């Protein structure tokens, strides 16, 4: 023991004159792997605070985290905040300390920053998912509306802002409230108490944002006009981008209906708009289309946009585009939708021999194609975005026990989907069935759930009515834990 003490003293003496000695760091790593965190603390605390560098302070904070003294860990990390805010480990350790103290919202901010600094780190991403589950979407929506009602008088006094500075102040103030739902939530404010959420290209928000509107307090409804996304307009407007002013009344378009896709190729022309470089021209036009058609119609039906060289035969004013598209779709015997959450499309897959669920799928339907594609590409992009709002993409799996003569029992899956929607998800406002699939051995019902814990509790009694089946629940991503719901 005496030799070890002498060696440590020599290391500390050297450390007092320079950055951490490699021998001391190796010793700390050994103690860390052996869960001897108190030894790390005893050793590093002997170094005067003024002599500790960034790395040493971080390792000391880690050791305090590991003995569950998270207050001390936070104080140590705060002492090196200026350098730490752009460091992955500093943010991870701060997030871990905050999470352990049940300061979940603060922990989320640090874990999110950690992932920004190191997008490949699975540990930080796992903590983000866990934190988001602890603040479910239903709770976030409730907190947002409480915040809005509490601050409504002050918000009203800021509308309409009469300067850019006041507009920025209004946006920053509202952002405080919307962050209670997600830091990734975007919105537009209008002068007549108009508030519109913005989809920003994320298809899952067409499902999440209508739920926010549905929970709007009655006291606000006679004054405020909330929309779940940009609904479009038939009124022309002036728009400036890339240093170019465009009057949308001057834009001419032609809509080529691609019947097999149920989508449109839009060619367009306006002299000043088309004079821009192709990429800027297209970006400009996509934004204009979202404002004219609405985000939902634009997302569902616009397949491609192409700048024309001049006004062409068959072109119409942009203001007539929505009506023309609707007539074309209905002429083909199809219903015209303005929200992607209501439009289900079919897909077919060749089954594969793999252990992972869903690789036996033959065919399915979905209103969220990107989520299905992500699954088979082993991506969690949309899954994580849904999770960042406290909601959850999941699927229920069960065996095809009534499969006779090779005929797969679709009727049972559809019956269960209807019961889930009509008896649980819709009346309890817990989410939406977003599709389903049938495979060689299993069938699947796909869901976005607004409160995972509550959903699991209320789904079991319904599933227990089907005593011949075993039901399982999985996150809508590969390599996920499979939760048994009922056992036959």
Protein backbone atom coordinates (compact mmCIF):
# COMPACT_ATOMS: atom_id res chain seq x y z
CA UNK A 1 0.00 0.00 0.00
CA UNK A 2 2.87 2.36 0.83
CA UNK A 3 4.46 1.88 -2.59
CA UNK A 4 1.13 2.67 -4.30
CA UNK A 5 0.68 5.79 -2.18
CA UNK A 6 4.21 6.98 -3.03
CA UNK A 7 3.63 6.37 -6.74
CA UNK A 8 0.40 8.34 -6.69
CA UNK A 9 2.09 11.20 -4.85
CA UNK A 10 4.80 11.33 -7.55
CA UNK A 11 2.11 11.41 -10.23
CA UNK A 12 0.26 14.19 -8.45
CA UNK A 13 3.46 16.16 -8.01
CA UNK A 14 4.10 15.92 -11.73
CA UNK A 15 0.48 16.82 -12.47
CA UNK A 16 0.82 20.02 -10.46
CA UNK A 17 3.34 21.18 -13.03
CA UNK A 18 1.60 20.11 -16.26
CA UNK A 19 -1.42 18.47 -17.80
CA UNK A 20 -2.55 15.05 -16.67
CA UNK A 21 0.25 12.49 -16.70
CA UNK A 22 -0.47 9.49 -18.91
CA UNK A 23 0.32 7.10 -16.04
CA UNK A 24 -2.21 8.80 -13.79
CA UNK A 25 -4.82 8.73 -16.56
CA UNK A 26 -4.17 5.02 -17.09
CA UNK A 27 -4.63 4.43 -13.36
CA UNK A 28 -7.90 6.37 -13.36
CA UNK A 29 -9.16 4.31 -16.28
CA UNK A 30 -8.34 1.11 -14.40
CA UNK A 31 -10.20 2.30 -11.31
CA UNK A 32 -13.15 3.36 -13.47
CA UNK A 33 -13.40 -0.08 -15.08
CA UNK A 34 -13.21 -1.65 -11.62
CA UNK A 35 -16.01 0.66 -10.35
CA UNK A 36 -13.58 2.09 -7.80
CA UNK A 37 -14.88 5.60 -8.25
CA UNK A 38 -14.15 6.74 -4.71
CA UNK A 39 -10.46 6.06 -5.35
CA UNK A 40 -10.59 8.41 -8.35
CA UNK A 41 -12.24 11.08 -6.21
CA UNK A 42 -9.74 10.71 -3.36
CA UNK A 43 -6.86 11.00 -5.82
CA UNK A 44 -8.08 13.91 -7.91
CA UNK A 45 -9.39 15.91 -4.95
CA UNK A 46 -5.78 16.15 -3.72
CA UNK A 47 -4.98 18.28 -6.73
CA UNK A 48 -5.65 21.96 -5.92
CA UNK A 49 -8.69 23.25 -7.79
CA UNK A 50 -6.62 25.94 -9.47
CA UNK A 51 -4.32 23.26 -10.88
CA UNK A 52 -7.02 21.03 -12.37
CA UNK A 53 -7.39 21.28 -16.11
CA UNK A 54 -10.53 20.65 -18.18
CA UNK A 55 -9.93 16.91 -18.53
CA UNK A 56 -9.24 16.36 -14.84
CA UNK A 57 -12.32 18.28 -13.73
CA UNK A 58 -14.44 16.27 -16.16
CA UNK A 59 -13.10 12.96 -14.87
CA UNK A 60 -13.72 14.05 -11.29
CA UNK A 61 -17.30 15.00 -12.21
CA UNK A 62 -17.74 11.59 -13.85
CA UNK A 63 -16.59 9.86 -10.67
CA UNK A 64 -19.05 11.87 -8.56
CA UNK A 65 -21.82 10.97 -11.02
CA UNK A 66 -20.89 7.32 -10.58
CA UNK A 67 -21.25 7.48 -6.78
CA UNK A 68 -24.58 9.30 -7.29
CA UNK A 69 -23.38 12.63 -5.91
CA UNK A 70 -24.83 14.48 -8.90
CA UNK A 71 -24.95 17.91 -7.23
CA UNK A 72 -21.17 17.90 -6.82
CA UNK A 73 -20.78 16.64 -10.39
CA UNK A 74 -22.90 19.53 -11.69
CA UNK A 75 -20.94 22.09 -9.67
CA UNK A 76 -17.67 20.76 -11.08
CA UNK A 77 -19.00 20.82 -14.62
CA UNK A 78 -20.36 24.34 -14.16
CA UNK A 79 -16.85 25.48 -13.23
CA UNK A 80 -15.66 24.56 -16.76
CA UNK A 81 -18.85 25.49 -18.65
CA UNK A 82 -17.21 27.99 -21.00
CA UNK A 83 -15.03 25.31 -22.54
CA UNK A 84 -17.43 22.45 -21.95
CA UNK A 85 -20.45 23.70 -23.87
CA UNK A 86 -18.83 22.58 -27.13
CA UNK A 87 -17.51 19.28 -25.78
CA UNK A 88 -19.39 16.00 -26.15
CA UNK A 89 -18.32 14.44 -22.83
CA UNK A 90 -19.10 17.59 -20.85
CA UNK A 91 -22.66 17.71 -22.25
CA UNK A 92 -23.15 13.97 -21.74
CA UNK A 93 -22.00 14.12 -18.12
CA UNK A 94 -24.15 17.17 -17.42
CA UNK A 95 -27.14 15.45 -19.04
CA UNK A 96 -26.56 12.32 -16.98
CA UNK A 97 -26.41 14.33 -13.74
CA UNK A 98 -29.58 16.26 -14.58
CA UNK A 99 -31.39 13.07 -15.60
CA UNK A 100 -30.42 11.37 -12.34
CA UNK A 101 -31.90 14.31 -10.43
CA UNK A 102 -35.17 13.99 -12.41
CA UNK A 103 -34.51 17.28 -14.19
CA UNK A 104 -35.60 15.67 -17.44
CA UNK A 105 -36.14 18.74 -19.64
CA UNK A 106 -32.71 20.11 -18.76
CA UNK A 107 -31.13 16.70 -19.28
CA UNK A 108 -32.68 16.54 -22.74
CA UNK A 109 -31.04 19.80 -23.77
CA UNK A 110 -27.60 18.49 -22.81
CA UNK A 111 -28.08 15.09 -24.43
CA UNK A 112 -29.36 16.74 -27.61
CA UNK A 113 -26.29 18.96 -27.67
CA UNK A 114 -24.09 15.91 -27.11
CA UNK A 115 -25.61 14.21 -30.17
CA UNK A 116 -25.06 17.36 -32.22
CA UNK A 117 -21.38 17.16 -31.29
CA UNK A 118 -21.13 13.40 -31.89
CA UNK A 119 -24.04 12.09 -34.02
CA UNK A 120 -22.63 8.56 -33.89
CA UNK A 121 -22.89 8.13 -30.12
CA UNK A 122 -25.59 5.59 -29.33
CA UNK A 123 -25.45 6.10 -25.54
CA UNK A 124 -26.49 9.75 -25.79
CA UNK A 125 -29.19 8.88 -28.32
CA UNK A 126 -30.51 6.19 -25.97
CA UNK A 127 -30.75 8.68 -23.10
CA UNK A 128 -32.63 11.09 -25.38
CA UNK A 129 -35.21 8.41 -26.15
CA UNK A 130 -35.61 7.57 -22.47
CA UNK A 131 -35.97 11.23 -21.50
CA UNK A 132 -38.58 11.79 -24.18
CA UNK A 133 -40.60 8.85 -22.90
CA UNK A 134 -40.65 10.39 -19.43
CA UNK A 135 -42.30 13.55 -20.82
CA UNK A 136 -44.96 12.08 -23.15
CA UNK A 137 -46.51 14.10 -25.94
CA UNK A 138 -49.82 14.35 -24.08
CA UNK A 139 -48.11 16.00 -21.09
CA UNK A 140 -46.16 18.39 -23.32
CA UNK A 141 -49.32 19.52 -25.09
CA UNK A 142 -51.05 20.08 -21.74
CA UNK A 143 -48.06 22.13 -20.49
CA UNK A 144 -48.02 24.22 -23.68
CA UNK A 145 -51.67 25.20 -23.40
CA UNK A 146 -51.26 26.04 -19.72
CA UNK A 147 -48.35 28.28 -20.66
CA UNK A 148 -50.34 29.90 -23.46
CA UNK A 149 -53.37 30.64 -21.28
CA UNK A 150 -51.14 32.06 -18.54
CA UNK A 151 -49.32 34.37 -20.98
CA UNK A 152 -52.22 35.12 -23.35
CA UNK A 153 -52.68 38.69 -22.17
CA UNK A 154 -49.02 39.54 -22.69
CA UNK A 155 -49.01 37.83 -26.09
CA UNK A 156 -52.07 39.78 -27.20
CA UNK A 157 -50.34 43.02 -26.29
CA UNK A 158 -47.44 42.13 -28.60
CA UNK A 159 -49.66 41.55 -31.68
CA UNK A 160 -49.20 42.92 -34.26
CA UNK A 161 -45.54 43.87 -33.78
CA UNK A 162 -44.74 47.24 -35.37
CA UNK A 163 -41.00 46.71 -35.84
CA UNK A 164 -38.56 43.92 -36.64
CA UNK A 165 -37.21 44.02 -33.10
CA UNK A 166 -40.68 43.57 -31.63
CA UNK A 167 -41.41 40.77 -34.10
CA UNK A 168 -38.23 39.01 -33.00
CA UNK A 169 -39.16 39.50 -29.35
CA UNK A 170 -42.63 38.03 -29.98
CA UNK A 171 -41.19 35.00 -31.77
CA UNK A 172 -38.65 34.41 -29.00
CA UNK A 173 -41.37 34.66 -26.35
CA UNK A 174 -43.67 32.16 -28.11
CA UNK A 175 -40.67 29.87 -28.64
CA UNK A 176 -40.42 29.57 -24.84
CA UNK A 177 -43.87 28.02 -24.88
CA UNK A 178 -43.48 25.80 -27.94
CA UNK A 179 -40.25 24.39 -26.49
CA UNK A 180 -42.44 22.74 -23.85
CA UNK A 181 -43.51 20.46 -26.71
CA UNK A 182 -40.25 20.31 -28.66
CA UNK A 183 -37.30 22.49 -29.49
CA UNK A 184 -37.88 21.34 -33.07
CA UNK A 185 -41.32 22.92 -33.33
CA UNK A 186 -41.71 25.78 -35.82
CA UNK A 187 -44.62 28.16 -36.29
CA UNK A 188 -45.97 31.27 -38.03
CA UNK A 189 -47.80 34.15 -36.35
CA UNK A 190 -50.30 36.38 -38.15
CA UNK A 191 -51.66 39.79 -37.25
CA UNK A 192 -55.23 38.69 -36.54
CA UNK A 193 -54.28 36.27 -33.75
CA UNK A 194 -53.40 33.63 -36.32
CA UNK A 195 -51.08 30.83 -35.24
CA UNK A 196 -50.01 28.12 -37.67
CA UNK A 197 -47.63 25.27 -36.94
CA UNK A 198 -45.10 24.51 -39.66
CA UNK A 199 -44.41 20.97 -40.91
CA UNK A 200 -40.94 21.72 -42.31
CA UNK A 201 -41.01 18.54 -44.39
CA UNK A 202 -41.59 16.07 -41.52
CA UNK A 203 -44.58 13.82 -42.39
CA UNK A 204 -45.15 12.66 -38.80
CA UNK A 205 -46.13 16.21 -37.82
CA UNK A 206 -49.28 15.90 -39.93
CA UNK A 207 -50.35 13.44 -37.20
CA UNK A 208 -48.95 15.19 -34.13
CA UNK A 209 -50.02 18.79 -34.80
CA UNK A 210 -53.78 18.12 -35.18
CA UNK A 211 -53.69 16.59 -31.69
CA UNK A 212 -52.26 19.85 -30.32
CA UNK A 213 -55.12 21.80 -31.90
CA UNK A 214 -57.69 19.32 -30.55
CA UNK A 215 -56.55 20.08 -26.98
CA UNK A 216 -56.87 23.87 -27.36
CA UNK A 217 -58.70 25.35 -24.33
CA UNK A 218 -62.19 26.66 -24.98
CA UNK A 219 -61.24 30.05 -23.54
CA UNK A 220 -58.96 30.73 -26.51
CA UNK A 221 -61.20 29.60 -29.36
CA UNK A 222 -63.20 32.81 -29.89
CA UNK A 223 -60.05 34.88 -30.32
CA UNK A 224 -57.13 32.79 -31.54
CA UNK A 225 -57.09 30.96 -34.86
CA UNK A 226 -54.79 27.94 -34.64
CA UNK A 227 -53.99 25.74 -37.63
CA UNK A 228 -52.03 22.45 -37.47
CA UNK A 229 -50.13 23.44 -40.65
CA UNK A 230 -50.26 25.96 -43.50
CA UNK A 231 -53.68 25.48 -45.11
CA UNK A 232 -52.93 27.42 -48.33
CA UNK A 233 -54.61 30.46 -49.84
CA UNK A 234 -56.24 31.51 -53.10
CA UNK A 235 -55.10 35.10 -52.61
CA UNK A 236 -51.95 36.29 -54.41
CA UNK A 237 -49.13 37.75 -52.34
CA UNK A 238 -45.70 39.31 -52.76
CA UNK A 239 -42.71 37.22 -51.69
CA UNK A 240 -39.02 38.07 -51.50
CA UNK A 241 -36.17 35.57 -51.47
CA UNK A 242 -32.61 35.46 -52.83
CA UNK A 243 -32.85 39.23 -53.34
CA UNK A 244 -35.75 38.79 -55.79
CA UNK A 245 -39.32 40.06 -55.40
CA UNK A 246 -42.08 37.87 -56.85
CA UNK A 247 -45.79 38.63 -57.21
CA UNK A 248 -47.43 35.18 -57.11
CA UNK A 249 -50.29 36.52 -59.28
CA UNK A 250 -47.82 36.55 -62.18
CA UNK A 251 -46.79 32.89 -61.89
CA UNK A 252 -48.22 30.55 -64.53
CA UNK A 253 -48.28 26.77 -64.07
CA UNK A 254 -49.26 23.54 -65.78
CA UNK A 255 -50.12 20.39 -63.81
CA UNK A 256 -49.34 17.06 -65.48
CA UNK A 257 -51.24 14.32 -63.62
CA UNK A 258 -49.21 11.13 -63.12
CA UNK A 259 -52.18 8.81 -62.62
CA UNK A 260 -50.16 5.75 -61.62
CA UNK A 261 -48.57 7.72 -58.77
CA UNK A 262 -51.61 9.91 -58.03
CA UNK A 263 -49.20 12.84 -58.08
CA UNK A 264 -48.39 15.83 -60.29
CA UNK A 265 -45.45 17.23 -62.19
CA UNK A 266 -45.75 21.02 -62.03
CA UNK A 267 -44.09 23.21 -64.66
CA UNK A 268 -44.00 26.92 -63.86
CA UNK A 269 -42.96 30.25 -65.31
CA UNK A 270 -42.47 33.80 -64.07
CA UNK A 271 -39.80 35.92 -65.72
CA UNK A 272 -37.92 37.07 -62.60
CA UNK A 273 -38.35 33.77 -60.78
CA UNK A 274 -37.07 31.68 -63.67
CA UNK A 275 -34.08 33.97 -64.13
CA UNK A 276 -32.64 32.61 -60.86
CA UNK A 277 -30.24 29.64 -60.85
CA UNK A 278 -32.13 26.32 -61.05
CA UNK A 279 -31.66 25.35 -57.41
CA UNK A 280 -32.71 28.75 -56.06
CA UNK A 281 -35.59 28.86 -58.52
CA UNK A 282 -36.92 25.48 -57.36
CA UNK A 283 -36.49 26.30 -53.64
CA UNK A 284 -38.41 29.53 -54.19
CA UNK A 285 -41.22 27.72 -55.99
CA UNK A 286 -41.51 24.91 -53.41
CA UNK A 287 -42.07 27.49 -50.67
CA UNK A 288 -44.64 29.35 -52.78
CA UNK A 289 -46.49 26.10 -53.51
CA UNK A 290 -46.70 25.28 -49.80
CA UNK A 291 -48.25 28.71 -49.18
CA UNK A 292 -50.70 28.48 -52.10
CA UNK A 293 -51.68 24.79 -51.97
CA UNK A 294 -51.07 24.25 -48.27
CA UNK A 295 -48.41 22.01 -46.79
CA UNK A 296 -50.62 18.92 -46.82
CA UNK A 297 -51.66 19.04 -50.49
CA UNK A 298 -48.15 20.00 -51.57
CA UNK A 299 -46.70 17.06 -49.63
CA UNK A 300 -49.21 14.51 -50.95
CA UNK A 301 -49.58 15.47 -54.57
CA UNK A 302 -46.56 17.38 -55.89
CA UNK A 303 -44.09 14.86 -57.28
CA UNK A 304 -41.78 17.20 -59.19
CA UNK A 305 -41.49 20.83 -60.23
CA UNK A 306 -39.85 21.99 -63.46
CA UNK A 307 -39.12 25.58 -64.56
CA UNK A 308 -40.39 26.31 -68.08
CA UNK A 309 -38.51 28.44 -70.59
CA UNK A 310 -41.58 30.57 -71.30
CA UNK A 311 -45.35 30.55 -70.87
CA UNK A 312 -46.58 27.32 -72.47
CA UNK A 313 -49.91 26.19 -73.88
CA UNK A 314 -52.18 24.85 -71.19
CA UNK A 315 -50.69 26.96 -68.40
CA UNK A 316 -53.05 28.48 -65.84
CA UNK A 317 -52.62 31.10 -63.09
CA UNK A 318 -51.10 29.66 -59.92
CA UNK A 319 -54.26 30.57 -57.97
CA UNK A 320 -56.22 27.98 -60.02
CA UNK A 321 -53.77 25.13 -59.41
CA UNK A 322 -55.41 23.61 -56.34
CA UNK A 323 -58.82 23.39 -58.01
CA UNK A 324 -57.32 21.86 -61.16
CA UNK A 325 -55.45 19.24 -59.14
CA UNK A 326 -58.57 18.33 -57.17
CA UNK A 327 -60.63 17.87 -60.34
CA UNK A 328 -57.95 15.66 -61.89
CA UNK A 329 -57.77 13.39 -58.84
CA UNK A 330 -61.55 13.07 -58.50
CA UNK A 331 -61.94 12.45 -62.23
CA UNK A 332 -59.90 9.30 -61.71
CA UNK A 333 -62.36 8.10 -59.07
CA UNK A 334 -60.10 8.95 -56.12
CA UNK A 335 -60.77 11.00 -53.02
CA UNK A 336 -58.83 14.25 -52.68
CA UNK A 337 -57.03 14.70 -49.33
CA UNK A 338 -55.44 17.71 -47.68
CA UNK A 339 -53.70 15.86 -44.81
CA UNK A 340 -51.32 12.92 -45.45
CA UNK A 341 -52.44 11.25 -42.21
CA UNK A 342 -55.74 10.38 -43.91
CA UNK A 343 -54.23 8.89 -47.09
CA UNK A 344 -53.11 5.25 -46.92
CA UNK A 345 -51.05 3.68 -49.69
CA UNK A 346 -50.25 0.03 -50.27
CA UNK A 347 -46.86 -1.61 -50.64
CA UNK A 348 -45.51 -5.07 -51.39
CA UNK A 349 -42.28 -6.71 -50.23
CA UNK A 350 -40.54 -9.98 -50.96
CA UNK A 351 -40.28 -11.91 -47.65
CA UNK A 352 -36.79 -12.67 -46.37
CA UNK A 353 -35.44 -15.31 -43.99
CA UNK A 354 -34.27 -13.11 -41.12
CA UNK A 355 -34.74 -13.11 -37.36
CA UNK A 356 -35.77 -9.44 -37.27
CA UNK A 357 -39.51 -8.78 -37.20
CA UNK A 358 -41.30 -7.55 -40.36
CA UNK A 359 -38.94 -9.31 -42.77
CA UNK A 360 -41.69 -11.88 -43.42
CA UNK A 361 -44.01 -9.11 -44.69
CA UNK A 362 -45.73 -9.68 -48.02
CA UNK A 363 -47.92 -6.57 -48.24
CA UNK A 364 -49.03 -3.64 -46.15
CA UNK A 365 -50.59 -0.18 -46.07
CA UNK A 366 -49.32 3.00 -44.47
CA UNK A 367 -49.89 6.74 -44.24
CA UNK A 368 -46.27 7.24 -43.24
CA UNK A 369 -44.20 5.69 -46.01
CA UNK A 370 -40.95 7.23 -44.77
CA UNK A 371 -41.17 5.37 -41.46
CA UNK A 372 -41.60 2.02 -43.21
CA UNK A 373 -38.70 2.80 -45.56
CA UNK A 374 -36.52 3.82 -42.60
CA UNK A 375 -37.20 0.49 -40.90
CA UNK A 376 -35.95 -1.60 -43.82
CA UNK A 377 -32.97 0.73 -44.29
CA UNK A 378 -32.12 0.29 -40.57
CA UNK A 379 -32.53 4.02 -40.05
CA UNK A 380 -34.14 5.74 -37.04
CA UNK A 381 -34.44 9.21 -38.59
CA UNK A 382 -38.23 9.57 -38.46
CA UNK A 383 -38.54 7.35 -35.37
CA UNK A 384 -36.22 9.69 -33.44
CA UNK A 385 -38.01 12.79 -34.71
CA UNK A 386 -41.36 11.45 -33.48
CA UNK A 387 -39.68 10.56 -30.18
CA UNK A 388 -38.33 14.12 -29.86
CA UNK A 389 -41.96 15.27 -29.39
CA UNK A 390 -42.56 12.65 -26.69
CA UNK A 391 -44.62 10.48 -29.06
CA UNK A 392 -43.72 6.96 -30.11
CA UNK A 393 -43.79 4.97 -33.35
CA UNK A 394 -44.58 1.32 -32.54
CA UNK A 395 -46.17 -1.79 -33.94
CA UNK A 396 -48.16 -4.68 -32.47
CA UNK A 397 -47.17 -8.13 -33.76
CA UNK A 398 -49.13 -11.38 -33.54
CA UNK A 399 -49.02 -14.78 -35.23
CA UNK A 400 -51.18 -15.83 -38.17
CA UNK A 401 -52.77 -18.72 -36.31
CA UNK A 402 -55.83 -18.96 -38.58
CA UNK A 403 -53.85 -19.27 -41.79
CA UNK A 404 -55.66 -22.01 -43.77
CA UNK A 405 -54.58 -23.31 -47.19
CA UNK A 406 -52.06 -20.49 -47.49
CA UNK A 407 -54.76 -17.80 -47.06
CA UNK A 408 -53.59 -15.08 -44.69
CA UNK A 409 -56.32 -13.82 -42.30
CA UNK A 410 -56.56 -10.12 -43.21
CA UNK A 411 -60.04 -9.77 -41.71
CA UNK A 412 -58.78 -10.28 -38.16
CA UNK A 413 -56.04 -7.66 -38.54
CA UNK A 414 -58.50 -5.13 -39.95
CA UNK A 415 -61.00 -5.86 -37.18
CA UNK A 416 -58.34 -5.27 -34.54
CA UNK A 417 -57.15 -2.08 -36.24
CA UNK A 418 -60.71 -0.73 -36.16
CA UNK A 419 -61.17 -1.62 -32.50
CA UNK A 420 -57.86 0.00 -31.56
CA UNK A 421 -58.88 3.20 -33.34
CA UNK A 422 -62.51 3.34 -32.25
CA UNK A 423 -62.23 2.09 -28.66
CA UNK A 424 -58.82 3.30 -27.50
CA UNK A 425 -56.78 5.67 -29.67
CA UNK A 426 -59.48 8.10 -30.80
CA UNK A 427 -61.72 8.33 -27.69
CA UNK A 428 -58.76 8.52 -25.33
CA UNK A 429 -56.78 10.74 -27.75
CA UNK A 430 -53.77 8.46 -27.47
CA UNK A 431 -52.64 8.30 -31.09
CA UNK A 432 -53.42 6.87 -34.51
CA UNK A 433 -53.21 3.61 -36.42
CA UNK A 434 -50.86 4.52 -39.27
CA UNK A 435 -51.13 1.26 -41.20
CA UNK A 436 -50.51 -2.43 -40.97
CA UNK A 437 -48.84 -5.34 -42.71
CA UNK A 438 -49.31 -9.06 -43.15
CA UNK A 439 -46.43 -11.47 -43.39
CA UNK A 440 -45.87 -15.16 -43.91
CA UNK A 441 -45.87 -15.91 -40.18
CA UNK A 442 -46.93 -12.70 -38.42
CA UNK A 443 -49.25 -9.74 -38.83
CA UNK A 444 -48.49 -6.19 -37.72
CA UNK A 445 -50.50 -3.12 -36.71
CA UNK A 446 -48.56 0.14 -36.94
CA UNK A 447 -49.14 3.01 -34.54
CA UNK A 448 -48.08 6.44 -33.44
CA UNK A 449 -48.80 6.63 -29.71
CA UNK A 450 -48.95 9.90 -27.76
CA UNK A 451 -48.34 8.37 -24.34
CA UNK A 452 -46.56 5.02 -24.41
CA UNK A 453 -47.08 4.03 -20.76
CA UNK A 454 -50.79 4.83 -20.76
CA UNK A 455 -51.28 3.04 -24.08
CA UNK A 456 -49.68 -0.18 -22.82
CA UNK A 457 -51.89 -0.11 -19.73
CA UNK A 458 -55.17 0.37 -21.63
CA UNK A 459 -54.43 -1.93 -24.58
CA UNK A 460 -53.97 -5.10 -22.56
CA UNK A 461 -57.63 -5.61 -21.49
CA UNK A 462 -58.75 -5.38 -25.12
CA UNK A 463 -56.11 -7.83 -26.34
CA UNK A 464 -56.91 -10.30 -23.55
CA UNK A 465 -60.29 -10.82 -25.22
CA UNK A 466 -58.45 -12.72 -27.96
CA UNK A 467 -57.30 -15.65 -25.87
CA UNK A 468 -55.91 -17.71 -28.76
CA UNK A 469 -53.36 -15.04 -29.69
CA UNK A 470 -50.09 -13.85 -28.20
CA UNK A 471 -49.50 -10.14 -28.80
CA UNK A 472 -46.18 -8.33 -28.73
CA UNK A 473 -45.19 -4.66 -28.90
CA UNK A 474 -42.06 -3.25 -30.51
CA UNK A 475 -40.60 0.14 -31.32
CA UNK A 476 -40.78 0.88 -35.04
CA UNK A 477 -37.06 0.31 -35.53
CA UNK A 478 -34.78 -2.66 -35.89
CA UNK A 479 -32.99 -4.28 -32.94
CA UNK A 480 -35.70 -3.06 -30.55
CA UNK A 481 -36.87 -4.75 -27.38
CA UNK A 482 -40.01 -6.83 -27.99
CA UNK A 483 -42.51 -6.47 -25.13
CA UNK A 484 -44.96 -9.33 -24.50
CA UNK A 485 -48.46 -7.87 -24.05
CA UNK A 486 -50.47 -11.09 -23.71
CA UNK A 487 -49.61 -14.78 -23.89
CA UNK A 488 -51.96 -17.39 -25.36
